[in-house]
Amino acid sequence: MNQDVTDYIQNIKQDWQVEVCKRIDQIIHESIPEVEERLQYGKPHYRKNGKYACVLGTAKEWVSFTIFNGATLEAPEGFFEPGDPDRKTIKIRKGQAVDYELVATLIRQASSSL
């Protein structure tokens, strides 16, 4: 655990975003036991074997979570934002139901080859 990442999450202004970020952070650590975390570019970044696995961040109306090495990941239509096929981004908005089990599976799949 990195204190800068912990502080980042604790200092988020909106309670619902704090809860989502805490849960995703927990899932990352459960899914990638050897994960290294650090604050980079003002956001929590998570690495495995020196390679980026995912990044977490917030904006005014959502939590953004990007999984790297995700070109082969499959999820329900509309789950990921459009964009770079190797970087799969999920935007979570207030009140939105999150399939954390699916998120954990996707993290494990993408990080397995890192």
PDB file of N, CA and C in Angstrom:
ATOM      1  N   MET A   1       0.851  -1.187   0.000  1.00  0.00           N
ATOM      2  CA  MET A   1       0.000   0.000   0.000  1.00  0.00           C
ATOM      3  C   MET A   1       0.889   1.240   0.000  1.00  0.00           C
ATOM      4  N   ASN A   2       0.446   2.224  -0.736  1.00  0.00           N
ATOM      5  CA  ASN A   2       1.171   3.476  -0.850  1.00  0.00           C
ATOM      6  C   ASN A   2       0.341   4.560  -0.164  1.00  0.00           C
ATOM      7  N   GLN A   3       0.923   5.275   0.764  1.00  0.00           N
ATOM      8  CA  GLN A   3       0.178   6.289   1.521  1.00  0.00           C
ATOM      9  C   GLN A   3      -0.383   7.386   0.618  1.00  0.00           C
ATOM     10  N   ASP A   4       0.339   7.732  -0.449  1.00  0.00           N
ATOM     11  CA  ASP A   4      -0.160   8.760  -1.373  1.00  0.00           C
ATOM     12  C   ASP A   4      -1.469   8.323  -2.021  1.00  0.00           C
ATOM     13  N   VAL A   5      -1.560   7.044  -2.378  1.00  0.00           N
ATOM     14  CA  VAL A   5      -2.793   6.522  -2.981  1.00  0.00           C
ATOM     15  C   VAL A   5      -3.910   6.509  -1.948  1.00  0.00           C
ATOM     16  N   THR A   6      -3.602   6.070  -0.751  1.00  0.00           N
ATOM     17  CA  THR A   6      -4.596   6.076   0.329  1.00  0.00           C
ATOM     18  C   THR A   6      -5.103   7.489   0.576  1.00  0.00           C
ATOM     19  N   ASP A   7      -4.190   8.450   0.639  1.00  0.00           N
ATOM     20  CA  ASP A   7      -4.580   9.850   0.850  1.00  0.00           C
ATOM     21  C   ASP A   7      -5.439  10.364  -0.299  1.00  0.00           C
ATOM     22  N   TYR A   8      -5.081  10.009  -1.528  1.00  0.00           N
ATOM     23  CA  TYR A   8      -5.861  10.431  -2.695  1.00  0.00           C
ATOM     24  C   TYR A   8      -7.312   9.999  -2.525  1.00  0.00           C
ATOM     25  N   ILE A   9      -7.515   8.734  -2.207  1.00  0.00           N
ATOM     26  CA  ILE A   9      -8.870   8.194  -2.072  1.00  0.00           C
ATOM     27  C   ILE A   9      -9.596   8.850  -0.897  1.00  0.00           C
ATOM     28  N   GLN A  10      -8.928   9.011   0.235  1.00  0.00           N
ATOM     29  CA  GLN A  10      -9.566   9.610   1.411  1.00  0.00           C
ATOM     30  C   GLN A  10      -9.916  11.078   1.206  1.00  0.00           C
ATOM     31  N   ASN A  11      -9.219  11.760   0.310  1.00  0.00           N
ATOM     32  CA  ASN A  11      -9.445  13.187   0.094  1.00  0.00           C
ATOM     33  C   ASN A  11     -10.416  13.504  -1.035  1.00  0.00           C
ATOM     34  N   ILE A  12     -11.017  12.484  -1.631  1.00  0.00           N
ATOM     35  CA  ILE A  12     -12.026  12.719  -2.657  1.00  0.00           C
ATOM     36  C   ILE A  12     -13.228  13.393  -1.987  1.00  0.00           C
ATOM     37  N   LYS A  13     -13.800  14.383  -2.643  1.00  0.00           N
ATOM     38  CA  LYS A  13     -14.851  15.214  -2.034  1.00  0.00           C
ATOM     39  C   LYS A  13     -16.217  14.544  -1.953  1.00  0.00           C
ATOM     40  N   GLN A  14     -16.563  13.706  -2.925  1.00  0.00           N
ATOM     41  CA  GLN A  14     -17.897  13.113  -2.951  1.00  0.00           C
ATOM     42  C   GLN A  14     -17.861  11.710  -2.337  1.00  0.00           C
ATOM     43  N   ASP A  15     -18.709  11.495  -1.335  1.00  0.00           N
ATOM     44  CA  ASP A  15     -18.707  10.233  -0.599  1.00  0.00           C
ATOM     45  C   ASP A  15     -18.910   9.019  -1.501  1.00  0.00           C
ATOM     46  N   TRP A  16     -19.810   9.136  -2.467  1.00  0.00           N
ATOM     47  CA  TRP A  16     -20.070   7.985  -3.336  1.00  0.00           C
ATOM     48  C   TRP A  16     -18.813   7.626  -4.131  1.00  0.00           C
ATOM     49  N   GLN A  17     -18.017   8.629  -4.529  1.00  0.00           N
ATOM     50  CA  GLN A  17     -16.785   8.356  -5.260  1.00  0.00           C
ATOM     51  C   GLN A  17     -15.744   7.700  -4.357  1.00  0.00           C
ATOM     52  N   VAL A  18     -15.700   8.119  -3.112  1.00  0.00           N
ATOM     53  CA  VAL A  18     -14.780   7.500  -2.153  1.00  0.00           C
ATOM     54  C   VAL A  18     -15.094   6.011  -2.032  1.00  0.00           C
ATOM     55  N   GLU A  19     -16.368   5.681  -1.892  1.00  0.00           N
ATOM     56  CA  GLU A  19     -16.762   4.276  -1.737  1.00  0.00           C
ATOM     57  C   GLU A  19     -16.412   3.456  -2.966  1.00  0.00           C
ATOM     58  N   VAL A  20     -16.688   3.987  -4.157  1.00  0.00           N
ATOM     59  CA  VAL A  20     -16.361   3.273  -5.396  1.00  0.00           C
ATOM     60  C   VAL A  20     -14.850   3.077  -5.499  1.00  0.00           C
ATOM     61  N   CYS A  21     -14.087   4.122  -5.244  1.00  0.00           N
ATOM     62  CA  CYS A  21     -12.625   4.020  -5.345  1.00  0.00           C
ATOM     63  C   CYS A  21     -12.046   3.051  -4.324  1.00  0.00           C
ATOM     64  N   LYS A  22     -12.562   3.067  -3.102  1.00  0.00           N
ATOM     65  CA  LYS A  22     -12.087   2.115  -2.086  1.00  0.00           C
ATOM     66  C   LYS A  22     -12.344   0.686  -2.535  1.00  0.00           C
ATOM     67  N   ARG A  23     -13.527   0.451  -3.084  1.00  0.00           N
ATOM     68  CA  ARG A  23     -13.890  -0.899  -3.517  1.00  0.00           C
ATOM     69  C   ARG A  23     -13.010  -1.353  -4.681  1.00  0.00           C
ATOM     70  N   ILE A  24     -12.795  -0.469  -5.652  1.00  0.00           N
ATOM     71  CA  ILE A  24     -11.951  -0.831  -6.788  1.00  0.00           C
ATOM     72  C   ILE A  24     -10.507  -1.060  -6.337  1.00  0.00           C
ATOM     73  N   ASP A  25     -10.007  -0.214  -5.454  1.00  0.00           N
ATOM     74  CA  ASP A  25      -8.656  -0.391  -4.919  1.00  0.00           C
ATOM     75  C   ASP A  25      -8.536  -1.755  -4.241  1.00  0.00           C
ATOM     76  N   GLN A  26      -9.521  -2.117  -3.461  1.00  0.00           N
ATOM     77  CA  GLN A  26      -9.530  -3.420  -2.789  1.00  0.00           C
ATOM     78  C   GLN A  26      -9.527  -4.557  -3.817  1.00  0.00           C
ATOM     79  N   ILE A  27     -10.346  -4.427  -4.847  1.00  0.00           N
ATOM     80  CA  ILE A  27     -10.431  -5.460  -5.878  1.00  0.00           C
ATOM     81  C   ILE A  27      -9.097  -5.598  -6.607  1.00  0.00           C
ATOM     82  N   ILE A  28      -8.448  -4.476  -6.886  1.00  0.00           N
ATOM     83  CA  ILE A  28      -7.145  -4.525  -7.553  1.00  0.00           C
ATOM     84  C   ILE A  28      -6.157  -5.327  -6.712  1.00  0.00           C
ATOM     85  N   HIS A  29      -6.101  -5.037  -5.417  1.00  0.00           N
ATOM     86  CA  HIS A  29      -5.162  -5.745  -4.535  1.00  0.00           C
ATOM     87  C   HIS A  29      -5.499  -7.224  -4.401  1.00  0.00           C
ATOM     88  N   GLU A  30      -6.774  -7.557  -4.433  1.00  0.00           N
ATOM     89  CA  GLU A  30      -7.177  -8.972  -4.368  1.00  0.00           C
ATOM     90  C   GLU A  30      -6.878  -9.684  -5.687  1.00  0.00           C
ATOM     91  N   SER A  31      -7.043  -8.983  -6.800  1.00  0.00           N
ATOM     92  CA  SER A  31      -6.885  -9.582  -8.123  1.00  0.00           C
ATOM     93  C   SER A  31      -5.431  -9.676  -8.570  1.00  0.00           C
ATOM     94  N   ILE A  32      -4.605  -8.742  -8.099  1.00  0.00           N
ATOM     95  CA  ILE A  32      -3.180  -8.732  -8.448  1.00  0.00           C
ATOM     96  C   ILE A  32      -2.399  -8.649  -7.134  1.00  0.00           C
ATOM     97  N   PRO A  33      -2.188  -9.774  -6.460  1.00  0.00           N
ATOM     98  CA  PRO A  33      -1.547  -9.733  -5.134  1.00  0.00           C
ATOM     99  C   PRO A  33      -0.194  -9.027  -5.112  1.00  0.00           C
ATOM    100  N   GLU A  34       0.562  -9.094  -6.212  1.00  0.00           N
ATOM    101  CA  GLU A  34       1.893  -8.486  -6.254  1.00  0.00           C
ATOM    102  C   GLU A  34       1.869  -7.061  -6.806  1.00  0.00           C
ATOM    103  N   VAL A  35       0.713  -6.449  -6.860  1.00  0.00           N
ATOM    104  CA  VAL A  35       0.575  -5.107  -7.444  1.00  0.00           C
ATOM    105  C   VAL A  35       1.390  -4.067  -6.671  1.00  0.00           C
ATOM    106  N   GLU A  36       1.946  -3.129  -7.422  1.00  0.00           N
ATOM    107  CA  GLU A  36       2.624  -1.969  -6.839  1.00  0.00           C
ATOM    108  C   GLU A  36       1.767  -0.762  -7.191  1.00  0.00           C
ATOM    109  N   GLU A  37       1.556   0.108  -6.221  1.00  0.00           N
ATOM    110  CA  GLU A  37       0.746   1.289  -6.498  1.00  0.00           C
ATOM    111  C   GLU A  37       1.543   2.546  -6.217  1.00  0.00           C
ATOM    112  N   ARG A  38       1.216   3.595  -6.989  1.00  0.00           N
ATOM    113  CA  ARG A  38       1.861   4.877  -6.758  1.00  0.00           C
ATOM    114  C   ARG A  38       0.983   5.968  -7.353  1.00  0.00           C
ATOM    115  N   LEU A  39       1.167   7.160  -6.838  1.00  0.00           N
ATOM    116  CA  LEU A  39       0.459   8.316  -7.370  1.00  0.00           C
ATOM    117  C   LEU A  39       1.316   8.886  -8.493  1.00  0.00           C
ATOM    118  N   GLN A  40       0.745   8.953  -9.679  1.00  0.00           N
ATOM    119  CA  GLN A  40       1.462   9.472 -10.839  1.00  0.00           C
ATOM    120  C   GLN A  40       0.482  10.320 -11.643  1.00  0.00           C
ATOM    121  N   TYR A  41       0.922  11.495 -12.081  1.00  0.00           N
ATOM    122  CA  TYR A  41       0.050  12.436 -12.789  1.00  0.00           C
ATOM    123  C   TYR A  41      -1.201  12.752 -11.970  1.00  0.00           C
ATOM    124  N   GLY A  42      -1.069  12.708 -10.647  1.00  0.00           N
ATOM    125  CA  GLY A  42      -2.165  13.052  -9.753  1.00  0.00           C
ATOM    126  C   GLY A  42      -3.210  11.977  -9.570  1.00  0.00           C
ATOM    127  N   LYS A  43      -2.955  10.763 -10.074  1.00  0.00           N
ATOM    128  CA  LYS A  43      -3.930   9.670  -9.969  1.00  0.00           C
ATOM    129  C   LYS A  43      -3.238   8.386  -9.519  1.00  0.00           C
ATOM    130  N   PRO A  44      -3.980   7.500  -8.852  1.00  0.00           N
ATOM    131  CA  PRO A  44      -3.415   6.203  -8.487  1.00  0.00           C
ATOM    132  C   PRO A  44      -3.167   5.336  -9.728  1.00  0.00           C
ATOM    133  N   HIS A  45      -1.949   4.872  -9.868  1.00  0.00           N
ATOM    134  CA  HIS A  45      -1.569   3.946 -10.921  1.00  0.00           C
ATOM    135  C   HIS A  45      -1.132   2.642 -10.262  1.00  0.00           C
ATOM    136  N   TYR A  46      -1.479   1.550 -10.893  1.00  0.00           N
ATOM    137  CA  TYR A  46      -1.174   0.221 -10.358  1.00  0.00           C
ATOM    138  C   TYR A  46      -0.346  -0.533 -11.395  1.00  0.00           C
ATOM    139  N   ARG A  47       0.763  -1.135 -10.923  1.00  0.00           N
ATOM    140  CA  ARG A  47       1.672  -1.825 -11.834  1.00  0.00           C
ATOM    141  C   ARG A  47       1.954  -3.235 -11.351  1.00  0.00           C
ATOM    142  N   LYS A  48       2.256  -4.080 -12.317  1.00  0.00           N
ATOM    143  CA  LYS A  48       2.665  -5.453 -12.034  1.00  0.00           C
ATOM    144  C   LYS A  48       3.916  -5.710 -12.860  1.00  0.00           C
ATOM    145  N   ASN A  49       4.963  -6.163 -12.207  1.00  0.00           N
ATOM    146  CA  ASN A  49       6.239  -6.434 -12.882  1.00  0.00           C
ATOM    147  C   ASN A  49       6.725  -5.224 -13.668  1.00  0.00           C
ATOM    148  N   GLY A  50       6.497  -4.028 -13.126  1.00  0.00           N
ATOM    149  CA  GLY A  50       6.964  -2.807 -13.760  1.00  0.00           C
ATOM    150  C   GLY A  50       6.111  -2.319 -14.921  1.00  0.00           C
ATOM    151  N   LYS A  51       5.036  -3.015 -15.224  1.00  0.00           N
ATOM    152  CA  LYS A  51       4.147  -2.628 -16.331  1.00  0.00           C
ATOM    153  C   LYS A  51       2.811  -2.160 -15.772  1.00  0.00           C
ATOM    154  N   TYR A  52       2.240  -1.161 -16.430  1.00  0.00           N
ATOM    155  CA  TYR A  52       0.967  -0.617 -15.964  1.00  0.00           C
ATOM    156  C   TYR A  52      -0.155  -1.633 -16.113  1.00  0.00           C
ATOM    157  N   ALA A  53      -0.910  -1.807 -15.036  1.00  0.00           N
ATOM    158  CA  ALA A  53      -2.062  -2.704 -15.050  1.00  0.00           C
ATOM    159  C   ALA A  53      -3.362  -1.897 -15.122  1.00  0.00           C
ATOM    160  N   CYS A  54      -3.451  -0.799 -14.353  1.00  0.00           N
ATOM    161  CA  CYS A  54      -4.670   0.007 -14.347  1.00  0.00           C
ATOM    162  C   CYS A  54      -4.431   1.351 -13.680  1.00  0.00           C
ATOM    163  N   VAL A  55      -5.382   2.243 -13.883  1.00  0.00           N
ATOM    164  CA  VAL A  55      -5.329   3.578 -13.283  1.00  0.00           C
ATOM    165  C   VAL A  55      -6.737   3.966 -12.860  1.00  0.00           C
ATOM    166  N   LEU A  56      -6.814   4.683 -11.765  1.00  0.00           N
ATOM    167  CA  LEU A  56      -8.081   5.083 -11.162  1.00  0.00           C
ATOM    168  C   LEU A  56      -8.083   6.601 -11.020  1.00  0.00           C
ATOM    169  N   GLY A  57      -9.226   7.225 -11.267  1.00  0.00           N
ATOM    170  CA  GLY A  57      -9.306   8.674 -11.110  1.00  0.00           C
ATOM    171  C   GLY A  57     -10.747   9.132 -10.986  1.00  0.00           C
ATOM    172  N   THR A  58     -10.905  10.377 -10.610  1.00  0.00           N
ATOM    173  CA  THR A  58     -12.249  10.921 -10.477  1.00  0.00           C
ATOM    174  C   THR A  58     -12.372  12.210 -11.279  1.00  0.00           C
ATOM    175  N   ALA A  59     -13.591  12.499 -11.660  1.00  0.00           N
ATOM    176  CA  ALA A  59     -13.954  13.766 -12.272  1.00  0.00           C
ATOM    177  C   ALA A  59     -15.217  14.217 -11.536  1.00  0.00           C
ATOM    178  N   LYS A  60     -15.742  15.346 -11.899  1.00  0.00           N
ATOM    179  CA  LYS A  60     -16.874  15.901 -11.162  1.00  0.00           C
ATOM    180  C   LYS A  60     -18.063  14.937 -11.074  1.00  0.00           C
ATOM    181  N   GLU A  61     -18.336  14.218 -12.149  1.00  0.00           N
ATOM    182  CA  GLU A  61     -19.550  13.409 -12.190  1.00  0.00           C
ATOM    183  C   GLU A  61     -19.321  11.909 -12.295  1.00  0.00           C
ATOM    184  N   TRP A  62     -18.073  11.457 -12.280  1.00  0.00           N
ATOM    185  CA  TRP A  62     -17.844  10.028 -12.416  1.00  0.00           C
ATOM    186  C   TRP A  62     -16.507   9.610 -11.810  1.00  0.00           C
ATOM    187  N   VAL A  63     -16.367   8.295 -11.694  1.00  0.00           N
ATOM    188  CA  VAL A  63     -15.086   7.654 -11.383  1.00  0.00           C
ATOM    189  C   VAL A  63     -14.655   6.984 -12.677  1.00  0.00           C
ATOM    190  N   SER A  64     -13.421   7.200 -13.059  1.00  0.00           N
ATOM    191  CA  SER A  64     -12.874   6.602 -14.268  1.00  0.00           C
ATOM    192  C   SER A  64     -11.876   5.525 -13.863  1.00  0.00           C
ATOM    193  N   PHE A  65     -12.018   4.366 -14.462  1.00  0.00           N
ATOM    194  CA  PHE A  65     -11.120   3.255 -14.175  1.00  0.00           C
ATOM    195  C   PHE A  65     -10.676   2.651 -15.497  1.00  0.00           C
ATOM    196  N   THR A  66      -9.365   2.658 -15.742  1.00  0.00           N
ATOM    197  CA  THR A  66      -8.826   2.140 -16.996  1.00  0.00           C
ATOM    198  C   THR A  66      -7.978   0.907 -16.725  1.00  0.00           C
ATOM    199  N   ILE A  67      -8.236  -0.130 -17.496  1.00  0.00           N
ATOM    200  CA  ILE A  67      -7.470  -1.371 -17.433  1.00  0.00           C
ATOM    201  C   ILE A  67      -6.560  -1.406 -18.658  1.00  0.00           C
ATOM    202  N   PHE A  68      -5.257  -1.545 -18.436  1.00  0.00           N
ATOM    203  CA  PHE A  68      -4.298  -1.635 -19.529  1.00  0.00           C
ATOM    204  C   PHE A  68      -4.160  -3.084 -19.974  1.00  0.00           C
ATOM    205  N   ASN A  69      -3.568  -3.290 -21.166  1.00  0.00           N
ATOM    206  CA  ASN A  69      -3.367  -4.632 -21.702  1.00  0.00           C
ATOM    207  C   ASN A  69      -4.713  -5.328 -21.895  1.00  0.00           C
ATOM    208  N   GLY A  70      -5.705  -4.553 -22.338  1.00  0.00           N
ATOM    209  CA  GLY A  70      -7.069  -5.063 -22.382  1.00  0.00           C
ATOM    210  C   GLY A  70      -7.632  -5.374 -23.748  1.00  0.00           C
ATOM    211  N   ALA A  71      -6.789  -5.505 -24.760  1.00  0.00           N
ATOM    212  CA  ALA A  71      -7.274  -5.707 -26.131  1.00  0.00           C
ATOM    213  C   ALA A  71      -8.179  -6.932 -26.277  1.00  0.00           C
ATOM    214  N   THR A  72      -7.950  -7.963 -25.484  1.00  0.00           N
ATOM    215  CA  THR A  72      -8.740  -9.194 -25.631  1.00  0.00           C
ATOM    216  C   THR A  72      -9.887  -9.299 -24.629  1.00  0.00           C
ATOM    217  N   LEU A  73     -10.068  -8.284 -23.800  1.00  0.00           N
ATOM    218  CA  LEU A  73     -11.131  -8.345 -22.793  1.00  0.00           C
ATOM    219  C   LEU A  73     -12.508  -8.247 -23.440  1.00  0.00           C
ATOM    220  N   GLU A  74     -13.432  -9.009 -22.897  1.00  0.00           N
ATOM    221  CA  GLU A  74     -14.806  -8.964 -23.380  1.00  0.00           C
ATOM    222  C   GLU A  74     -15.729  -8.616 -22.224  1.00  0.00           C
ATOM    223  N   ALA A  75     -16.659  -7.722 -22.515  1.00  0.00           N
ATOM    224  CA  ALA A  75     -17.630  -7.293 -21.512  1.00  0.00           C
ATOM    225  C   ALA A  75     -18.927  -6.955 -22.240  1.00  0.00           C
ATOM    226  N   PRO A  76     -20.021  -6.812 -21.498  1.00  0.00           N
ATOM    227  CA  PRO A  76     -21.291  -6.474 -22.135  1.00  0.00           C
ATOM    228  C   PRO A  76     -21.205  -5.166 -22.928  1.00  0.00           C
ATOM    229  N   GLU A  77     -22.007  -5.067 -23.971  1.00  0.00           N
ATOM    230  CA  GLU A  77     -22.069  -3.871 -24.803  1.00  0.00           C
ATOM    231  C   GLU A  77     -22.266  -2.627 -23.939  1.00  0.00           C
ATOM    232  N   GLY A  78     -21.454  -1.606 -24.183  1.00  0.00           N
ATOM    233  CA  GLY A  78     -21.568  -0.345 -23.451  1.00  0.00           C
ATOM    234  C   GLY A  78     -20.854  -0.313 -22.109  1.00  0.00           C
ATOM    235  N   PHE A  79     -20.240  -1.416 -21.708  1.00  0.00           N
ATOM    236  CA  PHE A  79     -19.544  -1.464 -20.420  1.00  0.00           C
ATOM    237  C   PHE A  79     -18.313  -0.574 -20.432  1.00  0.00           C
ATOM    238  N   PHE A  80     -17.569  -0.612 -21.550  1.00  0.00           N
ATOM    239  CA  PHE A  80     -16.371   0.199 -21.708  1.00  0.00           C
ATOM    240  C   PHE A  80     -16.685   1.445 -22.541  1.00  0.00           C
ATOM    241  N   GLU A  81     -15.949   2.510 -22.270  1.00  0.00           N
ATOM    242  CA  GLU A  81     -16.027   3.716 -23.087  1.00  0.00           C
ATOM    243  C   GLU A  81     -15.324   3.437 -24.421  1.00  0.00           C
ATOM    244  N   PRO A  82     -15.744   4.091 -25.506  1.00  0.00           N
ATOM    245  CA  PRO A  82     -15.015   3.930 -26.765  1.00  0.00           C
ATOM    246  C   PRO A  82     -13.598   4.487 -26.621  1.00  0.00           C
ATOM    247  N   GLY A  83     -12.656   3.910 -27.342  1.00  0.00           N
ATOM    248  CA  GLY A  83     -11.284   4.410 -27.267  1.00  0.00           C
ATOM    249  C   GLY A  83     -10.259   3.375 -27.654  1.00  0.00           C
ATOM    250  N   ASP A  84      -9.047   3.584 -27.209  1.00  0.00           N
ATOM    251  CA  ASP A  84      -7.905   2.721 -27.495  1.00  0.00           C
ATOM    252  C   ASP A  84      -8.252   1.277 -27.123  1.00  0.00           C
ATOM    253  N   PRO A  85      -8.122   0.341 -28.074  1.00  0.00           N
ATOM    254  CA  PRO A  85      -8.502  -1.046 -27.785  1.00  0.00           C
ATOM    255  C   PRO A  85      -7.653  -1.730 -26.715  1.00  0.00           C
ATOM    256  N   ASP A  86      -6.457  -1.207 -26.463  1.00  0.00           N
ATOM    257  CA  ASP A  86      -5.608  -1.813 -25.438  1.00  0.00           C
ATOM    258  C   ASP A  86      -5.867  -1.224 -24.055  1.00  0.00           C
ATOM    259  N   ARG A  87      -6.600  -0.118 -24.008  1.00  0.00           N
ATOM    260  CA  ARG A  87      -6.932   0.531 -22.733  1.00  0.00           C
ATOM    261  C   ARG A  87      -8.453   0.571 -22.605  1.00  0.00           C
ATOM    262  N   LYS A  88      -8.962  -0.211 -21.707  1.00  0.00           N
ATOM    263  CA  LYS A  88     -10.410  -0.315 -21.517  1.00  0.00           C
ATOM    264  C   LYS A  88     -10.827   0.549 -20.329  1.00  0.00           C
ATOM    265  N   THR A  89     -11.639   1.557 -20.598  1.00  0.00           N
ATOM    266  CA  THR A  89     -12.043   2.502 -19.561  1.00  0.00           C
ATOM    267  C   THR A  89     -13.511   2.311 -19.198  1.00  0.00           C
ATOM    268  N   ILE A  90     -13.761   2.316 -17.900  1.00  0.00           N
ATOM    269  CA  ILE A  90     -15.107   2.236 -17.350  1.00  0.00           C
ATOM    270  C   ILE A  90     -15.378   3.560 -16.647  1.00  0.00           C
ATOM    271  N   LYS A  91     -16.493   4.201 -16.966  1.00  0.00           N
ATOM    272  CA  LYS A  91     -16.901   5.413 -16.251  1.00  0.00           C
ATOM    273  C   LYS A  91     -18.089   5.049 -15.379  1.00  0.00           C
ATOM    274  N   ILE A  92     -17.932   5.283 -14.090  1.00  0.00           N
ATOM    275  CA  ILE A  92     -18.971   4.941 -13.117  1.00  0.00           C
ATOM    276  C   ILE A  92     -19.573   6.241 -12.601  1.00  0.00           C
ATOM    277  N   ARG A  93     -20.884   6.359 -12.728  1.00  0.00           N
ATOM    278  CA  ARG A  93     -21.585   7.567 -12.298  1.00  0.00           C
ATOM    279  C   ARG A  93     -22.374   7.297 -11.014  1.00  0.00           C
ATOM    280  N   LYS A  94     -22.724   8.359 -10.331  1.00  0.00           N
ATOM    281  CA  LYS A  94     -23.459   8.258  -9.065  1.00  0.00           C
ATOM    282  C   LYS A  94     -24.731   7.437  -9.256  1.00  0.00           C
ATOM    283  N   GLY A  95     -24.933   6.471  -8.360  1.00  0.00           N
ATOM    284  CA  GLY A  95     -26.129   5.643  -8.387  1.00  0.00           C
ATOM    285  C   GLY A  95     -26.071   4.478  -9.359  1.00  0.00           C
ATOM    286  N   GLN A  96     -25.025   4.395 -10.153  1.00  0.00           N
ATOM    287  CA  GLN A  96     -24.887   3.328 -11.139  1.00  0.00           C
ATOM    288  C   GLN A  96     -24.499   2.027 -10.439  1.00  0.00           C
ATOM    289  N   ALA A  97     -25.168   0.954 -10.809  1.00  0.00           N
ATOM    290  CA  ALA A  97     -24.805  -0.360 -10.280  1.00  0.00           C
ATOM    291  C   ALA A  97     -23.503  -0.798 -10.946  1.00  0.00           C
ATOM    292  N   VAL A  98     -22.594  -1.334 -10.157  1.00  0.00           N
ATOM    293  CA  VAL A  98     -21.297  -1.769 -10.670  1.00  0.00           C
ATOM    294  C   VAL A  98     -21.159  -3.270 -10.451  1.00  0.00           C
ATOM    295  N   ASP A  99     -20.815  -3.979 -11.496  1.00  0.00           N
ATOM    296  CA  ASP A  99     -20.568  -5.411 -11.396  1.00  0.00           C
ATOM    297  C   ASP A  99     -19.107  -5.607 -10.993  1.00  0.00           C
ATOM    298  N   TYR A 100     -18.862  -5.516  -9.686  1.00  0.00           N
ATOM    299  CA  TYR A 100     -17.486  -5.599  -9.188  1.00  0.00           C
ATOM    300  C   TYR A 100     -16.865  -6.973  -9.448  1.00  0.00           C
ATOM    301  N   GLU A 101     -17.676  -7.998  -9.503  1.00  0.00           N
ATOM    302  CA  GLU A 101     -17.152  -9.328  -9.806  1.00  0.00           C
ATOM    303  C   GLU A 101     -16.600  -9.359 -11.235  1.00  0.00           C
ATOM    304  N   LEU A 102     -17.313  -8.743 -12.174  1.00  0.00           N
ATOM    305  CA  LEU A 102     -16.828  -8.655 -13.548  1.00  0.00           C
ATOM    306  C   LEU A 102     -15.556  -7.808 -13.606  1.00  0.00           C
ATOM    307  N   VAL A 103     -15.527  -6.706 -12.889  1.00  0.00           N
ATOM    308  CA  VAL A 103     -14.334  -5.852 -12.851  1.00  0.00           C
ATOM    309  C   VAL A 103     -13.133  -6.664 -12.365  1.00  0.00           C
ATOM    310  N   ALA A 104     -13.309  -7.447 -11.317  1.00  0.00           N
ATOM    311  CA  ALA A 104     -12.222  -8.272 -10.784  1.00  0.00           C
ATOM    312  C   ALA A 104     -11.750  -9.287 -11.824  1.00  0.00           C
ATOM    313  N   THR A 105     -12.678  -9.920 -12.503  1.00  0.00           N
ATOM    314  CA  THR A 105     -12.327 -10.890 -13.545  1.00  0.00           C
ATOM    315  C   THR A 105     -11.528 -10.230 -14.654  1.00  0.00           C
ATOM    316  N   LEU A 106     -11.956  -9.049 -15.087  1.00  0.00           N
ATOM    317  CA  LEU A 106     -11.264  -8.328 -16.156  1.00  0.00           C
ATOM    318  C   LEU A 106      -9.850  -7.921 -15.730  1.00  0.00           C
ATOM    319  N   ILE A 107      -9.711  -7.478 -14.488  1.00  0.00           N
ATOM    320  CA  ILE A 107      -8.381  -7.120 -13.971  1.00  0.00           C
ATOM    321  C   ILE A 107      -7.458  -8.329 -13.988  1.00  0.00           C
ATOM    322  N   ARG A 108      -7.961  -9.455 -13.503  1.00  0.00           N
ATOM    323  CA  ARG A 108      -7.148 -10.683 -13.472  1.00  0.00           C
ATOM    324  C   ARG A 108      -6.747 -11.102 -14.885  1.00  0.00           C
ATOM    325  N   GLN A 109      -7.702 -11.056 -15.812  1.00  0.00           N
ATOM    326  CA  GLN A 109      -7.403 -11.467 -17.198  1.00  0.00           C
ATOM    327  C   GLN A 109      -6.343 -10.560 -17.822  1.00  0.00           C
ATOM    328  N   ALA A 110      -6.529  -9.250 -17.689  1.00  0.00           N
ATOM    329  CA  ALA A 110      -5.610  -8.311 -18.344  1.00  0.00           C
ATOM    330  C   ALA A 110      -4.220  -8.361 -17.724  1.00  0.00           C
ATOM    331  N   SER A 111      -4.136  -8.565 -16.428  1.00  0.00           N
ATOM    332  CA  SER A 111      -2.833  -8.530 -15.755  1.00  0.00           C
ATOM    333  C   SER A 111      -2.115  -9.880 -15.780  1.00  0.00           C
ATOM    334  N   SER A 112      -2.796 -10.931 -16.191  1.00  0.00           N
ATOM    335  CA  SER A 112      -2.191 -12.264 -16.135  1.00  0.00           C
ATOM    336  C   SER A 112      -0.946 -12.388 -17.014  1.00  0.00           C
ATOM    337  N   SER A 113      -0.867 -11.612 -18.086  1.00  0.00           N
ATOM    338  CA  SER A 113       0.294 -11.718 -18.988  1.00  0.00           C
ATOM    339  C   SER A 113       1.342 -10.633 -18.734  1.00  0.00           C
ATOM    340  N   LEU A 114       1.160  -9.848 -17.684  1.00  0.00           N
ATOM    341  CA  LEU A 114       2.150  -8.802 -17.380  1.00  0.00           C
ATOM    342  C   LEU A 114       3.325  -9.377 -16.612  1.00  0.00           C
TER     343      LEU A 114
END
